[in-house]
C-alpha atoms as a PDB file:
ATOM      1  CA  MET A   1      11.731   3.648  31.830  1.00  0.00           C
ATOM      2  CA  LEU A   2      11.981   3.113  28.078  1.00  0.00           C
ATOM      3  CA  GLU A   3      14.116   5.545  26.078  1.00  0.00           C
ATOM      4  CA  SER A   4      12.870   7.296  22.954  1.00  0.00           C
ATOM      5  CA  ASP A   5      14.708   4.869  20.636  1.00  0.00           C
ATOM      6  CA  ASP A   6      13.164   1.905  22.443  1.00  0.00           C
ATOM      7  CA  LEU A   7       9.710   3.425  22.127  1.00  0.00           C
ATOM      8  CA  LYS A   8      10.290   3.977  18.404  1.00  0.00           C
ATOM      9  CA  LEU A   9      11.359   0.365  17.953  1.00  0.00           C
ATOM     10  CA  CYS A  10       8.303  -0.857  19.894  1.00  0.00           C
ATOM     11  CA  GLY A  11       6.041   1.316  17.735  1.00  0.00           C
ATOM     12  CA  ILE A  12       7.683   0.027  14.556  1.00  0.00           C
ATOM     13  CA  ALA A  13       7.258  -3.577  15.708  1.00  0.00           C
ATOM     14  CA  LEU A  14       3.606  -2.975  16.666  1.00  0.00           C
ATOM     15  CA  PHE A  15       2.781  -1.355  13.319  1.00  0.00           C
ATOM     16  CA  LEU A  16       4.561  -4.155  11.467  1.00  0.00           C
ATOM     17  CA  VAL A  17       2.689  -6.922  13.309  1.00  0.00           C
ATOM     18  CA  LEU A  18      -0.704  -5.214  12.941  1.00  0.00           C
ATOM     19  CA  GLY A  19      -0.228  -4.469   9.249  1.00  0.00           C
ATOM     20  CA  VAL A  20       1.115  -7.893   8.313  1.00  0.00           C
ATOM     21  CA  LEU A  21      -1.543  -9.786  10.292  1.00  0.00           C
ATOM     22  CA  ALA A  22      -4.414  -7.684   8.907  1.00  0.00           C
ATOM     23  CA  ASN A  23      -3.239  -8.048   5.321  1.00  0.00           C
ATOM     24  CA  LEU A  24      -2.504 -11.752   5.787  1.00  0.00           C
ATOM     25  CA  PHE A  25      -6.087 -12.210   6.970  1.00  0.00           C
ATOM     26  CA  ASN A  26      -7.448 -10.475   3.861  1.00  0.00           C
ATOM     27  CA  LEU A  27      -5.102 -12.424   1.595  1.00  0.00           C
ATOM     28  CA  GLY A  28      -5.988 -15.795   3.113  1.00  0.00           C
ATOM     29  CA  ALA A  29      -9.718 -15.074   3.103  1.00  0.00           C
ATOM     30  CA  MET A  30      -9.784 -14.017  -0.557  1.00  0.00           C
ATOM     31  CA  LEU A  31      -7.545 -16.720  -2.028  1.00  0.00           C
ATOM     32  CA  GLY A  32     -10.345 -19.295  -2.073  1.00  0.00           C
ATOM     33  CA  GLN A  33     -13.064 -16.854  -3.095  1.00  0.00           C
ATOM     34  CA  GLN A  34     -15.102 -18.104  -6.063  1.00  0.00           C
ATOM     35  CA  GLN A  35     -17.670 -15.304  -6.420  1.00  0.00           C
ATOM     36  CA  GLY A  36     -16.467 -11.848  -7.385  1.00  0.00           C
ATOM     37  CA  ARG A  37     -13.173 -13.137  -8.743  1.00  0.00           C
ATOM     38  CA  THR A  38     -12.014  -9.738 -10.021  1.00  0.00           C
ATOM     39  CA  VAL A  39     -12.450  -8.040  -6.651  1.00  0.00           C
ATOM     40  CA  ALA A  40     -10.787 -11.015  -4.960  1.00  0.00           C
ATOM     41  CA  VAL A  41      -7.769 -10.791  -7.289  1.00  0.00           C
ATOM     42  CA  ILE A  42      -7.425  -7.041  -6.714  1.00  0.00           C
ATOM     43  CA  ILE A  43      -7.684  -7.416  -2.921  1.00  0.00           C
ATOM     44  CA  CYS A  44      -5.072 -10.200  -3.041  1.00  0.00           C
ATOM     45  CA  PHE A  45      -2.755  -7.894  -5.009  1.00  0.00           C
ATOM     46  CA  ILE A  46      -3.297  -5.080  -2.486  1.00  0.00           C
ATOM     47  CA  SER A  47      -2.792  -7.348   0.537  1.00  0.00           C
ATOM     48  CA  LEU A  48       0.325  -9.063  -0.802  1.00  0.00           C
ATOM     49  CA  GLY A  49       1.732  -5.717  -1.939  1.00  0.00           C
ATOM     50  CA  ASN A  50       1.122  -4.211   1.509  1.00  0.00           C
ATOM     51  CA  ILE A  51       2.792  -7.146   3.280  1.00  0.00           C
ATOM     52  CA  LEU A  52       5.909  -6.851   1.109  1.00  0.00           C
ATOM     53  CA  LEU A  53       5.823  -3.044   1.298  1.00  0.00           C
ATOM     54  CA  GLN A  54       5.711  -2.916   5.085  1.00  0.00           C
ATOM     55  CA  THR A  55       8.262  -5.704   5.543  1.00  0.00           C
ATOM     56  CA  SER A  56      10.727  -4.211   3.039  1.00  0.00           C
ATOM     57  CA  THR A  57      10.281  -0.746   4.597  1.00  0.00           C
ATOM     58  CA  CYS A  58      11.104  -2.193   8.012  1.00  0.00           C
ATOM     59  CA  VAL A  59      14.215  -3.908   6.589  1.00  0.00           C
ATOM     60  CA  LEU A  60      15.306  -0.655   4.894  1.00  0.00           C
ATOM     61  CA  VAL A  61      14.906   1.346   8.110  1.00  0.00           C
ATOM     62  CA  ALA A  62      16.811  -1.319  10.067  1.00  0.00           C
ATOM     63  CA  SER A  63      19.565  -1.366   7.432  1.00  0.00           C
ATOM     64  CA  ILE A  64      19.948   2.412   7.544  1.00  0.00           C
ATOM     65  CA  ARG A  65      20.067   2.266  11.352  1.00  0.00           C
ATOM     66  CA  ALA A  66      22.761  -0.424  11.079  1.00  0.00           C
ATOM     67  CA  GLY A  67      24.918   1.891   8.953  1.00  0.00           C
ATOM     68  CA  VAL A  68      24.596   0.284   5.513  1.00  0.00           C
ATOM     69  CA  LEU A  69      24.932   3.703   3.865  1.00  0.00           C
ATOM     70  CA  CYS A  70      28.206   4.297   5.718  1.00  0.00           C
ATOM     71  CA  ARG A  71      30.035   1.300   4.243  1.00  0.00           C
ATOM     72  CA  PRO A  72      32.603   1.605   1.437  1.00  0.00           C
ATOM     73  CA  HIS A  73      30.476  -0.527  -0.893  1.00  0.00           C
ATOM     74  CA  LEU A  74      26.700  -0.794  -1.079  1.00  0.00           C
ATOM     75  CA  PRO A  75      25.521  -4.393  -0.406  1.00  0.00           C
ATOM     76  CA  PHE A  76      23.500  -6.026  -3.182  1.00  0.00           C
ATOM     77  CA  PHE A  77      21.005  -7.045  -0.490  1.00  0.00           C
ATOM     78  CA  PHE A  78      20.076  -3.386   0.059  1.00  0.00           C
ATOM     79  CA  SER A  79      19.452  -2.883  -3.683  1.00  0.00           C
ATOM     80  CA  GLY A  80      17.258  -6.000  -3.772  1.00  0.00           C
ATOM     81  CA  VAL A  81      15.154  -4.859  -0.819  1.00  0.00           C
ATOM     82  CA  LEU A  82      14.779  -1.406  -2.389  1.00  0.00           C
ATOM     83  CA  TYR A  83      13.632  -3.069  -5.629  1.00  0.00           C
ATOM     84  CA  VAL A  84      10.990  -5.068  -3.715  1.00  0.00           C
ATOM     85  CA  TRP A  85       9.963  -1.869  -1.911  1.00  0.00           C
ATOM     86  CA  PHE A  86       9.264  -0.032  -5.167  1.00  0.00           C
ATOM     87  CA  ILE A  87       7.467  -2.974  -6.815  1.00  0.00           C
ATOM     88  CA  SER A  88       5.250  -3.649  -3.788  1.00  0.00           C
ATOM     89  CA  SER A  89       4.320   0.019  -3.437  1.00  0.00           C
ATOM     90  CA  SER A  90       3.519   0.178  -7.157  1.00  0.00           C
ATOM     91  CA  VAL A  91       1.379  -2.984  -7.049  1.00  0.00           C
ATOM     92  CA  SER A  92      -0.538  -1.809  -3.983  1.00  0.00           C
ATOM     93  CA  ILE A  93      -1.179   1.730  -5.238  1.00  0.00           C
ATOM     94  CA  TRP A  94      -2.223   0.703  -8.749  1.00  0.00           C
ATOM     95  CA  SER A  95      -4.479  -2.048  -7.364  1.00  0.00           C
ATOM     96  CA  VAL A  96      -6.298   0.533  -5.249  1.00  0.00           C
ATOM     97  CA  ALA A  97      -6.758   2.630  -8.395  1.00  0.00           C
ATOM     98  CA  TRP A  98      -8.200  -0.332 -10.354  1.00  0.00           C
ATOM     99  CA  LEU A  99     -10.492  -1.209  -7.442  1.00  0.00           C
ATOM    100  CA  ASN A 100     -11.893   2.325  -7.685  1.00  0.00           C
ATOM    101  CA  VAL A 101     -12.421   1.861 -11.410  1.00  0.00           C
ATOM    102  CA  PHE A 102     -14.237  -1.447 -10.872  1.00  0.00           C
ATOM    103  CA  TYR A 103     -16.646  -0.076  -8.254  1.00  0.00           C
ATOM    104  CA  CYS A 104     -17.219   3.144 -10.193  1.00  0.00           C
ATOM    105  CA  VAL A 105     -18.151   1.230 -13.354  1.00  0.00           C
ATOM    106  CA  LYS A 106     -20.300  -1.324 -11.523  1.00  0.00           C
ATOM    107  CA  VAL A 107     -22.065   1.051  -9.138  1.00  0.00           C
ATOM    108  CA  CYS A 108     -22.544   4.292 -11.057  1.00  0.00           C
ATOM    109  CA  ARG A 109     -23.964   2.589 -14.198  1.00  0.00           C
ATOM    110  CA  PHE A 110     -23.449   5.292 -16.834  1.00  0.00           C
ATOM    111  CA  SER A 111     -25.896   5.399 -19.738  1.00  0.00           C
ATOM    112  CA  TRP A 112     -23.321   5.811 -22.515  1.00  0.00           C
ATOM    113  CA  ILE A 113     -22.874   2.858 -24.881  1.00  0.00           C
ATOM    114  CA  ILE A 114     -19.121   2.740 -24.384  1.00  0.00           C
ATOM    115  CA  CYS A 115     -19.609   2.617 -20.597  1.00  0.00           C
ATOM    116  CA  ARG A 116     -22.102  -0.245 -20.946  1.00  0.00           C
ATOM    117  CA  THR A 117     -19.592  -2.164 -23.043  1.00  0.00           C
ATOM    118  CA  LEU A 118     -16.915  -1.415 -20.481  1.00  0.00           C
ATOM    119  CA  GLU A 119     -19.186  -2.615 -17.655  1.00  0.00           C
ATOM    120  CA  GLU A 120     -19.848  -5.923 -19.414  1.00  0.00           C
ATOM    121  CA  ASN A 121     -16.137  -6.603 -19.956  1.00  0.00           C
ATOM    122  CA  ILE A 122     -14.659  -4.870 -16.900  1.00  0.00           C
ATOM    123  CA  SER A 123     -13.512  -8.111 -15.245  1.00  0.00           C
ATOM    124  CA  SER A 124     -11.501  -9.309 -18.234  1.00  0.00           C
ATOM    125  CA  ILE A 125     -10.071  -5.836 -18.856  1.00  0.00           C
ATOM    126  CA  LEU A 126      -8.925  -5.408 -15.262  1.00  0.00           C
ATOM    127  CA  ASN A 127      -7.435  -8.904 -15.042  1.00  0.00           C
ATOM    128  CA  ILE A 128      -5.278  -8.186 -18.102  1.00  0.00           C
ATOM    129  CA  THR A 129      -4.465  -4.694 -16.822  1.00  0.00           C
ATOM    130  CA  MET A 130      -3.286  -6.059 -13.457  1.00  0.00           C
ATOM    131  CA  VAL A 131      -0.845  -8.421 -15.169  1.00  0.00           C
ATOM    132  CA  ILE A 132       0.484  -5.634 -17.423  1.00  0.00           C
ATOM    133  CA  MET A 133       0.840  -3.333 -14.422  1.00  0.00           C
ATOM    134  CA  PHE A 134       2.843  -5.942 -12.493  1.00  0.00           C
ATOM    135  CA  LEU A 135       5.178  -6.683 -15.425  1.00  0.00           C
ATOM    136  CA  THR A 136       5.672  -2.959 -16.070  1.00  0.00           C
ATOM    137  CA  SER A 137       6.615  -2.433 -12.421  1.00  0.00           C
ATOM    138  CA  CYS A 138       9.123  -5.296 -12.535  1.00  0.00           C
ATOM    139  CA  VAL A 139      10.821  -3.840 -15.609  1.00  0.00           C
ATOM    140  CA  MET A 140      10.688  -0.175 -14.582  1.00  0.00           C
ATOM    141  CA  PHE A 141      12.574  -0.576 -11.314  1.00  0.00           C
ATOM    142  CA  THR A 142      15.337  -2.921 -12.537  1.00  0.00           C
ATOM    143  CA  PRO A 143      17.945  -0.060 -12.625  1.00  0.00           C
ATOM    144  CA  PHE A 144      17.895  -0.114  -8.809  1.00  0.00           C
ATOM    145  CA  PHE A 145      19.835  -3.388  -8.949  1.00  0.00           C
ATOM    146  CA  GLY A 146      22.750  -1.307 -10.245  1.00  0.00           C
ATOM    147  CA  LEU A 147      22.874   1.083  -7.280  1.00  0.00           C
ATOM    148  CA  HIS A 148      26.410   1.851  -6.165  1.00  0.00           C
ATOM    149  CA  PHE A 149      28.516   4.370  -4.278  1.00  0.00           C
ATOM    150  CA  GLN A 150      30.758   6.769  -6.144  1.00  0.00           C
ATOM    151  CA  ASP A 151      34.380   5.768  -5.619  1.00  0.00           C
ATOM    152  CA  GLN A 152      36.070   8.321  -3.424  1.00  0.00           C
ATOM    153  CA  HIS A 153      38.940   8.514  -0.964  1.00  0.00           C
ATOM    154  CA  VAL A 154      37.916   8.193   2.678  1.00  0.00           C
ATOM    155  CA  ASN A 155      39.767  10.577   5.006  1.00  0.00           C
ATOM    156  CA  ALA A 156      41.354   9.284   8.159  1.00  0.00           C
ATOM    157  CA  THR A 157      39.064  11.499  10.230  1.00  0.00           C
ATOM    158  CA  GLU A 158      36.045   9.845   8.604  1.00  0.00           C
ATOM    159  CA  MET A 159      37.177   6.292   9.346  1.00  0.00           C
ATOM    160  CA  GLY A 160      35.693   6.232  12.834  1.00  0.00           C
ATOM    161  CA  ALA A 161      32.551   8.237  12.023  1.00  0.00           C
ATOM    162  CA  CYS A 162      29.473   7.184  10.043  1.00  0.00           C
ATOM    163  CA  VAL A 163      29.410   9.376   6.938  1.00  0.00           C
ATOM    164  CA  ILE A 164      26.169   8.658   5.059  1.00  0.00           C
ATOM    165  CA  ARG A 165      26.703   8.413   1.308  1.00  0.00           C
ATOM    166  CA  LYS A 166      23.972   8.613  -1.316  1.00  0.00           C
ATOM    167  CA  PRO A 167      23.695   5.629  -3.676  1.00  0.00           C
ATOM    168  CA  LEU A 168      23.869   6.378  -7.400  1.00  0.00           C
ATOM    169  CA  LEU A 169      22.047   4.753 -10.300  1.00  0.00           C
ATOM    170  CA  PRO A 170      24.043   3.172 -13.169  1.00  0.00           C
ATOM    171  CA  ALA A 171      25.739   5.588 -15.570  1.00  0.00           C
ATOM    172  CA  TRP A 172      23.568   4.514 -18.519  1.00  0.00           C
ATOM    173  CA  VAL A 173      20.430   5.828 -16.765  1.00  0.00           C
ATOM    174  CA  ASP A 174      19.402   9.447 -17.340  1.00  0.00           C
ATOM    175  CA  ILE A 175      18.626  10.198 -13.703  1.00  0.00           C
ATOM    176  CA  ASN A 176      16.355  13.224 -14.229  1.00  0.00           C
ATOM    177  CA  THR A 177      14.204  11.518 -16.869  1.00  0.00           C
ATOM    178  CA  TYR A 178      14.065   8.250 -14.938  1.00  0.00           C
ATOM    179  CA  VAL A 179      13.113   9.841 -11.622  1.00  0.00           C
ATOM    180  CA  ILE A 180      10.365  11.943 -13.245  1.00  0.00           C
ATOM    181  CA  THR A 181       9.065   8.841 -15.041  1.00  0.00           C
ATOM    182  CA  PHE A 182       8.758   6.590 -12.014  1.00  0.00           C
ATOM    183  CA  ILE A 183       7.399   9.386  -9.795  1.00  0.00           C
ATOM    184  CA  CYS A 184       4.643   9.952 -12.353  1.00  0.00           C
ATOM    185  CA  PHE A 185       4.075   6.197 -12.493  1.00  0.00           C
ATOM    186  CA  LEU A 186       3.716   5.952  -8.696  1.00  0.00           C
ATOM    187  CA  THR A 187       1.861   9.185  -7.933  1.00  0.00           C
ATOM    188  CA  LEU A 188       0.414  11.273 -10.772  1.00  0.00           C
ATOM    189  CA  MET A 189      -0.956   8.490 -12.974  1.00  0.00           C
ATOM    190  CA  PRO A 190      -2.756   6.590 -10.149  1.00  0.00           C
ATOM    191  CA  SER A 191      -4.109   9.905  -8.826  1.00  0.00           C
ATOM    192  CA  THR A 192      -5.582  10.810 -12.219  1.00  0.00           C
ATOM    193  CA  ILE A 193      -7.479   7.510 -12.090  1.00  0.00           C
ATOM    194  CA  MET A 194      -8.468   7.604  -8.420  1.00  0.00           C
ATOM    195  CA  LEU A 195      -9.758  11.160  -8.242  1.00  0.00           C
ATOM    196  CA  PRO A 196     -12.341  11.030 -11.102  1.00  0.00           C
ATOM    197  CA  THR A 197     -13.586   7.573 -10.082  1.00  0.00           C
ATOM    198  CA  SER A 198     -13.845   8.523  -6.408  1.00  0.00           C
ATOM    199  CA  LEU A 199     -15.661  11.717  -7.466  1.00  0.00           C
ATOM    200  CA  GLY A 200     -18.135   9.545  -9.379  1.00  0.00           C
ATOM    201  CA  LEU A 201     -18.655   7.437  -6.249  1.00  0.00           C
ATOM    202  CA  VAL A 202     -19.193  10.587  -4.166  1.00  0.00           C
ATOM    203  CA  VAL A 203     -21.850  11.790  -6.640  1.00  0.00           C
ATOM    204  CA  TYR A 204     -23.525   8.392  -6.411  1.00  0.00           C
ATOM    205  CA  LEU A 205     -23.403   8.614  -2.603  1.00  0.00           C
ATOM    206  CA  CYS A 206     -25.058  12.037  -2.620  1.00  0.00           C
ATOM    207  CA  ARG A 207     -27.830  10.871  -4.948  1.00  0.00           C
ATOM    208  CA  ARG A 208     -28.563   7.700  -2.996  1.00  0.00           C
ATOM    209  CA  THR A 209     -28.412   9.464   0.369  1.00  0.00           C
ATOM    210  CA  ALA A 210     -30.943  12.046  -0.839  1.00  0.00           C
ATOM    211  CA  LYS A 211     -33.500   9.272  -1.453  1.00  0.00           C
ATOM    212  CA  THR A 212     -35.581   8.269   1.539  1.00  0.00           C
ATOM    213  CA  GLN A 213     -36.218   4.639   0.588  1.00  0.00           C
ATOM    214  CA  ARG A 214     -33.255   2.330   0.854  1.00  0.00           C
ATOM    215  CA  SER A 215     -32.973  -1.390   0.341  1.00  0.00           C
ATOM    216  CA  SER A 216     -30.375  -3.694   1.876  1.00  0.00           C
ATOM    217  CA  SER A 217     -28.492  -3.886  -1.440  1.00  0.00           C
ATOM    218  CA  ALA A 218     -28.456  -0.094  -1.687  1.00  0.00           C
ATOM    219  CA  GLU A 219     -27.078   0.149   1.855  1.00  0.00           C
ATOM    220  CA  SER A 220     -24.343  -2.314   0.917  1.00  0.00           C
ATOM    221  CA  TYR A 221     -23.455  -0.239  -2.150  1.00  0.00           C
ATOM    222  CA  LEU A 222     -23.330   2.918  -0.022  1.00  0.00           C
ATOM    223  CA  LEU A 223     -20.969   1.257   2.454  1.00  0.00           C
ATOM    224  CA  VAL A 224     -18.679   0.096  -0.349  1.00  0.00           C
ATOM    225  CA  CYS A 225     -18.657   3.580  -1.895  1.00  0.00           C
ATOM    226  CA  ARG A 226     -17.873   5.309   1.400  1.00  0.00           C
ATOM    227  CA  LEU A 227     -15.027   2.967   2.259  1.00  0.00           C
ATOM    228  CA  THR A 228     -13.598   3.046  -1.274  1.00  0.00           C
ATOM    229  CA  VAL A 229     -13.525   6.848  -1.186  1.00  0.00           C
ATOM    230  CA  ALA A 230     -11.898   6.628   2.255  1.00  0.00           C
ATOM    231  CA  LEU A 231      -9.272   4.324   0.726  1.00  0.00           C
ATOM    232  CA  VAL A 232      -8.390   7.036  -1.796  1.00  0.00           C
ATOM    233  CA  TRP A 233      -8.010   9.594   0.982  1.00  0.00           C
ATOM    234  CA  VAL A 234      -5.730   7.174   2.860  1.00  0.00           C
ATOM    235  CA  TYR A 235      -3.527   6.989  -0.249  1.00  0.00           C
ATOM    236  CA  LEU A 236      -3.490  10.779  -0.661  1.00  0.00           C
ATOM    237  CA  THR A 237      -2.619  11.261   3.033  1.00  0.00           C
ATOM    238  CA  THR A 238       0.234   8.762   2.729  1.00  0.00           C
ATOM    239  CA  LEU A 239       1.421  10.501  -0.431  1.00  0.00           C
ATOM    240  CA  LEU A 240       1.466  13.809   1.462  1.00  0.00           C
ATOM    241  CA  ILE A 241       3.556  12.285   4.290  1.00  0.00           C
ATOM    242  CA  ILE A 242       6.061  10.758   1.857  1.00  0.00           C
ATOM    243  CA  SER A 243       6.285  14.025  -0.111  1.00  0.00           C
ATOM    244  CA  LEU A 244       6.940  15.912   3.127  1.00  0.00           C
ATOM    245  CA  TYR A 245       9.708  13.442   3.964  1.00  0.00           C
ATOM    246  CA  TYR A 246      11.477  13.821   0.608  1.00  0.00           C
ATOM    247  CA  PHE A 247      11.050  17.597   0.305  1.00  0.00           C
ATOM    248  CA  HIS A 248      12.406  17.992   3.822  1.00  0.00           C
ATOM    249  CA  ALA A 249      15.368  15.793   2.853  1.00  0.00           C
ATOM    250  CA  LEU A 250      16.048  17.994  -0.204  1.00  0.00           C
ATOM    251  CA  PHE A 251      15.704  21.462   1.330  1.00  0.00           C
ATOM    252  CA  ALA A 252      16.472  20.864   5.017  1.00  0.00           C
ATOM    253  CA  SER A 253      18.424  18.511   7.236  1.00  0.00           C
ATOM    254  CA  GLY A 254      16.039  15.635   6.563  1.00  0.00           C
ATOM    255  CA  LEU A 255      13.451  13.895   8.674  1.00  0.00           C
ATOM    256  CA  SER A 256      14.042  10.544  10.320  1.00  0.00           C
ATOM    257  CA  ALA A 257      13.411   7.420   8.246  1.00  0.00           C
ATOM    258  CA  ASP A 258      10.925   6.463  10.950  1.00  0.00           C
ATOM    259  CA  VAL A 259       8.561   9.095   9.502  1.00  0.00           C
ATOM    260  CA  LEU A 260       8.598   7.271   6.181  1.00  0.00           C
ATOM    261  CA  PHE A 261       7.957   3.942   7.872  1.00  0.00           C
ATOM    262  CA  SER A 262       5.126   5.393   9.982  1.00  0.00           C
ATOM    263  CA  GLY A 263       3.410   6.852   6.918  1.00  0.00           C
ATOM    264  CA  LEU A 264       3.601   3.617   4.942  1.00  0.00           C
ATOM    265  CA  SER A 265       2.543   1.569   7.971  1.00  0.00           C
ATOM    266  CA  PHE A 266      -0.493   3.795   8.373  1.00  0.00           C
ATOM    267  CA  TYR A 267      -1.318   3.177   4.711  1.00  0.00           C
ATOM    268  CA  CYS A 268      -0.968  -0.630   5.013  1.00  0.00           C
ATOM    269  CA  VAL A 269      -2.997  -0.930   8.241  1.00  0.00           C
ATOM    270  CA  ALA A 270      -5.729   1.470   7.064  1.00  0.00           C
ATOM    271  CA  CYS A 271      -5.956  -0.319   3.680  1.00  0.00           C
ATOM    272  CA  ALA A 272      -6.415  -3.689   5.382  1.00  0.00           C
ATOM    273  CA  ALA A 273      -9.070  -2.329   7.771  1.00  0.00           C
ATOM    274  CA  LEU A 274     -11.053  -0.571   5.027  1.00  0.00           C
ATOM    275  CA  LEU A 275     -10.940  -3.608   2.730  1.00  0.00           C
ATOM    276  CA  SER A 276     -12.120  -5.882   5.552  1.00  0.00           C
ATOM    277  CA  CYS A 277     -15.063  -3.565   6.235  1.00  0.00           C
ATOM    278  CA  SER A 278     -16.033  -2.930   2.609  1.00  0.00           C
ATOM    279  CA  ASN A 279     -16.030  -6.488   1.234  1.00  0.00           C
ATOM    280  CA  LYS A 280     -18.992  -8.695   2.220  1.00  0.00           C
ATOM    281  CA  HIS A 281     -16.956 -11.912   2.158  1.00  0.00           C
ATOM    282  CA  LEU A 282     -14.222 -10.411   4.354  1.00  0.00           C
ATOM    283  CA  ARG A 283     -16.787  -8.995   6.782  1.00  0.00           C
ATOM    284  CA  GLY A 284     -18.321 -12.444   7.143  1.00  0.00           C
ATOM    285  CA  LYS A 285     -14.924 -14.070   7.748  1.00  0.00           C
ATOM    286  CA  LEU A 286     -13.984 -11.404  10.292  1.00  0.00           C
ATOM    287  CA  ARG A 287     -17.321 -11.732  12.085  1.00  0.00           C
ATOM    288  CA  ALA A 288     -16.926 -15.510  12.258  1.00  0.00           C
ATOM    289  CA  LEU A 289     -13.388 -15.123  13.600  1.00  0.00           C
ATOM    290  CA  LEU A 290     -14.522 -12.699  16.318  1.00  0.00           C
ATOM    291  CA  CYS A 291     -17.470 -14.898  17.290  1.00  0.00           C
ATOM    292  CA  ARG A 292     -15.178 -17.904  17.523  1.00  0.00           C
ATOM    293  CA  GLY A 293     -12.832 -15.931  19.783  1.00  0.00           C
ATOM    294  CA  LYS A 294     -15.710 -14.855  22.058  1.00  0.00           C
ATOM    295  CA  ARG A 295     -16.992 -18.440  22.205  1.00  0.00           C
ATOM    296  CA  THR A 296     -13.530 -19.718  23.183  1.00  0.00           C
ATOM    297  CA  ASN A 297     -13.178 -17.095  25.908  1.00  0.00           C
ATOM    298  CA  THR A 298     -16.606 -17.976  27.279  1.00  0.00           C
ATOM    299  CA  MET A 299     -15.714 -21.679  27.408  1.00  0.00           C
ATOM    300  CA  VAL A 300     -12.438 -20.902  29.214  1.00  0.00           C
ATOM    301  CA  ILE A 301     -14.222 -18.707  31.779  1.00  0.00           C
ATOM    302  CA  ASN A 302     -16.875 -21.369  32.389  1.00  0.00           C
ATOM    303  CA  ALA A 303     -14.204 -24.056  32.772  1.00  0.00           C
ATOM    304  CA  GLU A 304     -12.335 -21.929  35.324  1.00  0.00           C
ATOM    305  CA  GLY A 305     -15.536 -21.277  37.264  1.00  0.00           C
ATOM    306  CA  GLU A 306     -16.327 -24.963  37.704  1.00  0.00           C
END
C-alpha cells in the first residue's frame, strides 16, 4: 500500500507530466503557424509560461521538502527558481488577459470610431504590449535575486531540528510598497482587463444564442467566446486557491505547499486544454494526432491477429 506522501508525489508527477506535455503540444503546434500570427504568439507565450511555471513550482516544492529553508544560508539556486516562477506566472496571466482583449475586439465589433481604429491595429498593439509586459516582468522581480536569511545565532537545540526561516528581500527594497506593487501587477491589473472583456464576450454570447439562425463561422465564434470566458474563470479559481494558501499562512499554521502546486497545476492543465479546444489550428493538430494514434493501434491489432 502506498503512503500518503507517496500518493502526493505520484499526483505531483502526474500533474507535472500532463501539464508540460499539453503545453508543449500547443507550443510546438503554434510555432510554425503563419495565419493568425497574433493569436499564435499569445498562445506560445501562455504555453511557454505555463511550462516554466509548473516546472519551477515543482522545483520549489521539492526544495522546500528537502529543507532548503532550514539551511544557514539561502542558496542562490532557490532565488533563481523563485525569479523564474514569478516571471512565468506573470507572462502566462498577462497573456491570457491580452488574449481576452484580442477576441473581445475582434468578435464584439463595437461601433465607436476609436474601437474601429483599435480593431484595425490590434495585432501590432498587442505584439508591442507583449514585449513590454515581458521586459517589465523581468525588471520587476529582480529584487528576488537578493533574497537572504537574517543573520542569527542558531541554538544547540535547533541544530538537529529543521527550523524553517523566512527569506528577506534586500534592505534597499521597501517591502510593503514592493509587495503591494507586484501583487497588483499579478492579480488586480490583469483582473481589471479580463473581467470587462469577458463580460463583453458573455454579452455577445447571449445575443448570438438568442438568434435562431447560425452559420458555421458563428458557431466557431461562439465556441471561442465560451472557452475564452472559461479561461478567465480558471484564472480566477486559481487566484482564489493561491489567496487561500497565503491568507492561511498569515493567520493560521499554514497549508502545505502541495496546495499551491495543485492550484497552479490545475491552472496550467486547464489552460492547455481550453486553448487546444478553442483554437482551430490546434483542434486540427489534435484531431490528426488522435486519428494517427487510432490508426496505429488498429494496425497493431490487425498484425497481432494474423
